[in-house]
Amino acid sequence: GSLGSVTGELITRAAEHALANRLPLLLVTA
């Protein structure tokens, strides 16, 4: 579950999608 550049990009895009659509964001970490 290590955090690499692509992993970070995907999570960041998910957060940006939540912001653009005014939706809550759930992060499940492992």
All heavy atoms as atom14 arrays in JSON, in Angstrom:
{
  "sequence": "GSLGSVTGELITRAAEHALANRLPLLLVTA",
  "atom14_mask": [
    [1, 1, 1, 1, 0, 0, 0, 0, 0, 0, 0, 0, 0, 0],
    [1, 1, 1, 1, 1, 1, 0, 0, 0, 0, 0, 0, 0, 0],
    [1, 1, 1, 1, 1, 1, 1, 1, 0, 0, 0, 0, 0, 0],
    [1, 1, 1, 1, 0, 0, 0, 0, 0, 0, 0, 0, 0, 0],
    [1, 1, 1, 1, 1, 1, 0, 0, 0, 0, 0, 0, 0, 0],
    [1, 1, 1, 1, 1, 1, 1, 0, 0, 0, 0, 0, 0, 0],
    [1, 1, 1, 1, 1, 1, 1, 0, 0, 0, 0, 0, 0, 0],
    [1, 1, 1, 1, 0, 0, 0, 0, 0, 0, 0, 0, 0, 0],
    [1, 1, 1, 1, 1, 1, 1, 1, 1, 0, 0, 0, 0, 0],
    [1, 1, 1, 1, 1, 1, 1, 1, 0, 0, 0, 0, 0, 0],
    [1, 1, 1, 1, 1, 1, 1, 1, 0, 0, 0, 0, 0, 0],
    [1, 1, 1, 1, 1, 1, 1, 0, 0, 0, 0, 0, 0, 0],
    [1, 1, 1, 1, 1, 1, 1, 1, 1, 1, 1, 0, 0, 0],
    [1, 1, 1, 1, 1, 0, 0, 0, 0, 0, 0, 0, 0, 0],
    [1, 1, 1, 1, 1, 0, 0, 0, 0, 0, 0, 0, 0, 0],
    [1, 1, 1, 1, 1, 1, 1, 1, 1, 0, 0, 0, 0, 0],
    [1, 1, 1, 1, 1, 1, 1, 1, 1, 1, 0, 0, 0, 0],
    [1, 1, 1, 1, 1, 0, 0, 0, 0, 0, 0, 0, 0, 0],
    [1, 1, 1, 1, 1, 1, 1, 1, 0, 0, 0, 0, 0, 0],
    [1, 1, 1, 1, 1, 0, 0, 0, 0, 0, 0, 0, 0, 0],
    [1, 1, 1, 1, 1, 1, 1, 1, 0, 0, 0, 0, 0, 0],
    [1, 1, 1, 1, 1, 1, 1, 1, 1, 1, 1, 0, 0, 0],
    [1, 1, 1, 1, 1, 1, 1, 1, 0, 0, 0, 0, 0, 0],
    [1, 1, 1, 1, 1, 1, 1, 0, 0, 0, 0, 0, 0, 0],
    [1, 1, 1, 1, 1, 1, 1, 1, 0, 0, 0, 0, 0, 0],
    [1, 1, 1, 1, 1, 1, 1, 1, 0, 0, 0, 0, 0, 0],
    [1, 1, 1, 1, 1, 1, 1, 1, 0, 0, 0, 0, 0, 0],
    [1, 1, 1, 1, 1, 1, 1, 0, 0, 0, 0, 0, 0, 0],
    [1, 1, 1, 1, 1, 1, 1, 0, 0, 0, 0, 0, 0, 0],
    [1, 1, 1, 1, 1, 0, 0, 0, 0, 0, 0, 0, 0, 0]
  ],
  "atom14_positions": [
    [[0.81, -1.22, 0.0], [0.0, 0.0, 0.0], [0.83, 1.26, 0.0], [0.37, 2.33, 0.42], [0.0, 0.0, 0.0], [0.0, 0.0, 0.0], [0.0, 0.0, 0.0], [0.0, 0.0, 0.0], [0.0, 0.0, 0.0], [0.0, 0.0, 0.0], [0.0, 0.0, 0.0], [0.0, 0.0, 0.0], [0.0, 0.0, 0.0], [0.0, 0.0, 0.0]],
    [[2.04, 1.17, -0.48], [2.96, 2.32, -0.39], [2.49, 3.47, -1.26], [1.85, 3.29, -2.3], [4.38, 1.9, -0.78], [4.39, 1.3, -2.05], [0.0, 0.0, 0.0], [0.0, 0.0, 0.0], [0.0, 0.0, 0.0], [0.0, 0.0, 0.0], [0.0, 0.0, 0.0], [0.0, 0.0, 0.0], [0.0, 0.0, 0.0], [0.0, 0.0, 0.0]],
    [[2.82, 4.67, -0.81], [2.39, 5.91, -1.46], [3.44, 6.36, -2.46], [4.49, 6.88, -2.09], [2.16, 6.99, -0.4], [1.77, 8.39, -0.91], [0.45, 8.34, -1.66], [1.7, 9.36, 0.26], [0.0, 0.0, 0.0], [0.0, 0.0, 0.0], [0.0, 0.0, 0.0], [0.0, 0.0, 0.0], [0.0, 0.0, 0.0], [0.0, 0.0, 0.0]],
    [[3.15, 6.14, -3.75], [4.04, 6.61, -4.81], [3.43, 7.77, -5.55], [2.34, 8.26, -5.22], [0.0, 0.0, 0.0], [0.0, 0.0, 0.0], [0.0, 0.0, 0.0], [0.0, 0.0, 0.0], [0.0, 0.0, 0.0], [0.0, 0.0, 0.0], [0.0, 0.0, 0.0], [0.0, 0.0, 0.0], [0.0, 0.0, 0.0], [0.0, 0.0, 0.0]],
    [[4.09, 8.22, -6.59], [3.65, 9.4, -7.33], [2.3, 9.18, -8.0], [1.43, 10.06, -7.98], [4.69, 9.77, -8.38], [5.93, 10.06, -7.78], [0.0, 0.0, 0.0], [0.0, 0.0, 0.0], [0.0, 0.0, 0.0], [0.0, 0.0, 0.0], [0.0, 0.0, 0.0], [0.0, 0.0, 0.0], [0.0, 0.0, 0.0], [0.0, 0.0, 0.0]],
    [[2.11, 8.0, -8.6], [0.83, 7.74, -9.26], [-0.28, 7.56, -8.22], [-1.4, 8.05, -8.4], [0.94, 6.52, -10.2], [-0.43, 6.2, -10.8], [1.96, 6.78, -11.3], [0.0, 0.0, 0.0], [0.0, 0.0, 0.0], [0.0, 0.0, 0.0], [0.0, 0.0, 0.0], [0.0, 0.0, 0.0], [0.0, 0.0, 0.0], [0.0, 0.0, 0.0]],
    [[0.03, 6.87, -7.13], [-0.96, 6.73, -6.05], [-1.39, 8.11, -5.55], [-2.58, 8.39, -5.38], [-0.36, 5.93, -4.88], [0.23, 4.73, -5.37], [-1.42, 5.6, -3.85], [0.0, 0.0, 0.0], [0.0, 0.0, 0.0], [0.0, 0.0, 0.0], [0.0, 0.0, 0.0], [0.0, 0.0, 0.0], [0.0, 0.0, 0.0], [0.0, 0.0, 0.0]],
    [[-0.41, 8.98, -5.32], [-0.71, 10.33, -4.85], [-1.54, 11.11, -5.85], [-2.47, 11.84, -5.49], [0.0, 0.0, 0.0], [0.0, 0.0, 0.0], [0.0, 0.0, 0.0], [0.0, 0.0, 0.0], [0.0, 0.0, 0.0], [0.0, 0.0, 0.0], [0.0, 0.0, 0.0], [0.0, 0.0, 0.0], [0.0, 0.0, 0.0], [0.0, 0.0, 0.0]],
    [[-1.21, 10.94, -7.14], [-1.96, 11.63, -8.2], [-3.42, 11.16, -8.22], [-4.35, 11.97, -8.35], [-1.3, 11.38, -9.54], [-2.02, 12.0, -10.73], [-1.96, 13.52, -10.74], [-1.13, 14.11, -10.01], [-2.77, 14.14, -11.47], [0.0, 0.0, 0.0], [0.0, 0.0, 0.0], [0.0, 0.0, 0.0], [0.0, 0.0, 0.0], [0.0, 0.0, 0.0]],
    [[-3.63, 9.88, -8.08], [-4.99, 9.34, -8.1], [-5.81, 9.87, -6.93], [-6.97, 10.26, -7.08], [-4.95, 7.82, -8.08], [-4.39, 7.14, -9.34], [-4.17, 5.66, -9.1], [-5.33, 7.35, -10.52], [0.0, 0.0, 0.0], [0.0, 0.0, 0.0], [0.0, 0.0, 0.0], [0.0, 0.0, 0.0], [0.0, 0.0, 0.0], [0.0, 0.0, 0.0]],
    [[-5.21, 9.87, -5.73], [-5.94, 10.35, -4.55], [-6.21, 11.84, -4.67], [-7.3, 12.33, -4.33], [-5.16, 10.01, -3.27], [-5.02, 8.49, -3.11], [-5.86, 10.59, -2.05], [-4.12, 8.07, -1.97], [0.0, 0.0, 0.0], [0.0, 0.0, 0.0], [0.0, 0.0, 0.0], [0.0, 0.0, 0.0], [0.0, 0.0, 0.0], [0.0, 0.0, 0.0]],
    [[-5.23, 12.58, -5.18], [-5.41, 14.03, -5.34], [-6.52, 14.31, -6.34], [-7.37, 15.19, -6.12], [-4.1, 14.67, -5.81], [-3.09, 14.45, -4.81], [-4.27, 16.17, -6.02], [0.0, 0.0, 0.0], [0.0, 0.0, 0.0], [0.0, 0.0, 0.0], [0.0, 0.0, 0.0], [0.0, 0.0, 0.0], [0.0, 0.0, 0.0], [0.0, 0.0, 0.0]],
    [[-6.55, 13.57, -7.44], [-7.62, 13.77, -8.43], [-8.98, 13.42, -7.83], [-9.99, 14.05, -8.17], [-7.35, 12.92, -9.67], [-6.17, 13.43, -10.5], [-6.11, 12.73, -11.83], [-4.94, 13.15, -12.6], [-4.76, 12.87, -13.89], [-5.68, 12.17, -14.55], [-3.68, 13.27, -14.52], [0.0, 0.0, 0.0], [0.0, 0.0, 0.0], [0.0, 0.0, 0.0]],
    [[-9.02, 12.41, -6.98], [-10.28, 12.07, -6.31], [-10.75, 13.24, -5.44], [-11.94, 13.6, -5.45], [-10.1, 10.82, -5.47], [0.0, 0.0, 0.0], [0.0, 0.0, 0.0], [0.0, 0.0, 0.0], [0.0, 0.0, 0.0], [0.0, 0.0, 0.0], [0.0, 0.0, 0.0], [0.0, 0.0, 0.0], [0.0, 0.0, 0.0], [0.0, 0.0, 0.0]],
    [[-9.82, 13.85, -4.7], [-10.18, 15.0, -3.87], [-10.64, 16.17, -4.73], [-11.61, 16.88, -4.39], [-8.99, 15.4, -3.01], [0.0, 0.0, 0.0], [0.0, 0.0, 0.0], [0.0, 0.0, 0.0], [0.0, 0.0, 0.0], [0.0, 0.0, 0.0], [0.0, 0.0, 0.0], [0.0, 0.0, 0.0], [0.0, 0.0, 0.0], [0.0, 0.0, 0.0]],
    [[-9.97, 16.38, -5.84], [-10.36, 17.48, -6.74], [-11.73, 17.23, -7.36], [-12.52, 18.16, -7.56], [-9.29, 17.66, -7.82], [-7.98, 18.22, -7.26], [-6.84, 18.19, -8.26], [-6.97, 17.52, -9.31], [-5.81, 18.84, -7.99], [0.0, 0.0, 0.0], [0.0, 0.0, 0.0], [0.0, 0.0, 0.0], [0.0, 0.0, 0.0], [0.0, 0.0, 0.0]],
    [[-12.03, 15.97, -7.65], [-13.36, 15.63, -8.18], [-14.42, 15.89, -7.11], [-15.51, 16.4, -7.43], [-13.39, 14.16, -8.6], [-14.66, 13.74, -9.26], [-14.9, 13.94, -10.59], [-15.78, 13.16, -8.75], [-16.12, 13.48, -10.9], [-16.67, 13.0, -9.79], [0.0, 0.0, 0.0], [0.0, 0.0, 0.0], [0.0, 0.0, 0.0], [0.0, 0.0, 0.0]],
    [[-14.12, 15.56, -5.87], [-15.06, 15.84, -4.78], [-15.31, 17.33, -4.66], [-16.45, 17.78, -4.46], [-14.51, 15.27, -3.47], [0.0, 0.0, 0.0], [0.0, 0.0, 0.0], [0.0, 0.0, 0.0], [0.0, 0.0, 0.0], [0.0, 0.0, 0.0], [0.0, 0.0, 0.0], [0.0, 0.0, 0.0], [0.0, 0.0, 0.0], [0.0, 0.0, 0.0]],
    [[-14.25, 18.13, -4.78], [-14.39, 19.58, -4.67], [-15.23, 20.13, -5.82], [-16.14, 20.94, -5.61], [-13.0, 20.23, -4.67], [-12.96, 21.76, -4.58], [-13.56, 22.23, -3.26], [-11.53, 22.25, -4.72], [0.0, 0.0, 0.0], [0.0, 0.0, 0.0], [0.0, 0.0, 0.0], [0.0, 0.0, 0.0], [0.0, 0.0, 0.0], [0.0, 0.0, 0.0]],
    [[-14.95, 19.68, -7.03], [-15.66, 20.2, -8.2], [-17.14, 19.84, -8.16], [-17.98, 20.6, -8.65], [-15.02, 19.65, -9.47], [0.0, 0.0, 0.0], [0.0, 0.0, 0.0], [0.0, 0.0, 0.0], [0.0, 0.0, 0.0], [0.0, 0.0, 0.0], [0.0, 0.0, 0.0], [0.0, 0.0, 0.0], [0.0, 0.0, 0.0], [0.0, 0.0, 0.0]],
    [[-17.47, 18.71, -7.56], [-18.86, 18.25, -7.54], [-19.51, 18.4, -6.16], [-20.62, 17.92, -5.96], [-18.92, 16.78, -7.98], [-18.56, 16.61, -9.44], [-19.39, 16.75, -10.31], [-17.28, 16.33, -9.71], [0.0, 0.0, 0.0], [0.0, 0.0, 0.0], [0.0, 0.0, 0.0], [0.0, 0.0, 0.0], [0.0, 0.0, 0.0], [0.0, 0.0, 0.0]],
    [[-18.78, 19.05, -5.22], [-19.28, 19.3, -3.87], [-19.8, 18.02, -3.22], [-20.95, 17.94, -2.76], [-20.33, 20.41, -3.86], [-19.78, 21.76, -4.32], [-20.63, 22.92, -3.84], [-20.71, 23.01, -2.38], [-19.75, 23.5, -1.6], [-18.6, 23.95, -2.12], [-19.93, 23.54, -0.29], [0.0, 0.0, 0.0], [0.0, 0.0, 0.0], [0.0, 0.0, 0.0]],
    [[-18.92, 17.03, -3.18], [-19.24, 15.75, -2.56], [-18.29, 15.48, -1.4], [-17.14, 15.93, -1.4], [-19.09, 14.62, -3.59], [-20.12, 14.56, -4.71], [-19.69, 13.54, -5.76], [-21.5, 14.23, -4.17], [0.0, 0.0, 0.0], [0.0, 0.0, 0.0], [0.0, 0.0, 0.0], [0.0, 0.0, 0.0], [0.0, 0.0, 0.0], [0.0, 0.0, 0.0]],
    [[-18.74, 14.73, -0.4], [-17.82, 14.31, 0.67], [-16.75, 13.37, 0.12], [-16.96, 12.71, -0.91], [-18.74, 13.58, 1.66], [-20.13, 13.97, 1.3], [-20.11, 14.26, -0.17], [0.0, 0.0, 0.0], [0.0, 0.0, 0.0], [0.0, 0.0, 0.0], [0.0, 0.0, 0.0], [0.0, 0.0, 0.0], [0.0, 0.0, 0.0], [0.0, 0.0, 0.0]],
    [[-15.62, 13.33, 0.81], [-14.51, 12.46, 0.43], [-14.23, 11.47, 1.53], [-14.06, 11.85, 2.69], [-13.26, 13.29, 0.15], [-11.97, 12.5, -0.16], [-12.09, 11.77, -1.5], [-10.75, 13.42, -0.15], [0.0, 0.0, 0.0], [0.0, 0.0, 0.0], [0.0, 0.0, 0.0], [0.0, 0.0, 0.0], [0.0, 0.0, 0.0], [0.0, 0.0, 0.0]],
    [[-14.17, 10.18, 1.18], [-13.81, 9.12, 2.11], [-12.49, 8.51, 1.67], [-12.36, 8.06, 0.53], [-14.9, 8.04, 2.16], [-14.54, 6.76, 2.92], [-14.32, 7.04, 4.41], [-15.63, 5.7, 2.73], [0.0, 0.0, 0.0], [0.0, 0.0, 0.0], [0.0, 0.0, 0.0], [0.0, 0.0, 0.0], [0.0, 0.0, 0.0], [0.0, 0.0, 0.0]],
    [[-11.51, 8.5, 2.57], [-10.21, 7.88, 2.31], [-10.09, 6.65, 3.2], [-10.25, 6.75, 4.42], [-9.08, 8.87, 2.62], [-9.11, 10.2, 1.86], [-8.06, 11.14, 2.42], [-8.9, 9.98, 0.37], [0.0, 0.0, 0.0], [0.0, 0.0, 0.0], [0.0, 0.0, 0.0], [0.0, 0.0, 0.0], [0.0, 0.0, 0.0], [0.0, 0.0, 0.0]],
    [[-9.8, 5.51, 2.61], [-9.59, 4.28, 3.37], [-8.11, 3.94, 3.26], [-7.61, 3.66, 2.15], [-10.47, 3.13, 2.85], [-10.27, 1.89, 3.72], [-11.94, 3.54, 2.85], [0.0, 0.0, 0.0], [0.0, 0.0, 0.0], [0.0, 0.0, 0.0], [0.0, 0.0, 0.0], [0.0, 0.0, 0.0], [0.0, 0.0, 0.0], [0.0, 0.0, 0.0]],
    [[-7.42, 3.95, 4.37], [-5.96, 3.81, 4.33], [-5.52, 2.41, 4.78], [-6.09, 1.82, 5.7], [-5.28, 4.86, 5.23], [-5.68, 4.66, 6.59], [-5.67, 6.26, 4.79], [0.0, 0.0, 0.0], [0.0, 0.0, 0.0], [0.0, 0.0, 0.0], [0.0, 0.0, 0.0], [0.0, 0.0, 0.0], [0.0, 0.0, 0.0], [0.0, 0.0, 0.0]],
    [[-4.5, 1.92, 4.11], [-3.81, 0.68, 4.47], [-2.46, 0.77, 3.8], [-2.33, 0.55, 2.59], [-4.58, -0.54, 4.01], [0.0, 0.0, 0.0], [0.0, 0.0, 0.0], [0.0, 0.0, 0.0], [0.0, 0.0, 0.0], [0.0, 0.0, 0.0], [0.0, 0.0, 0.0], [0.0, 0.0, 0.0], [0.0, 0.0, 0.0], [0.0, 0.0, 0.0]]
  ]
}
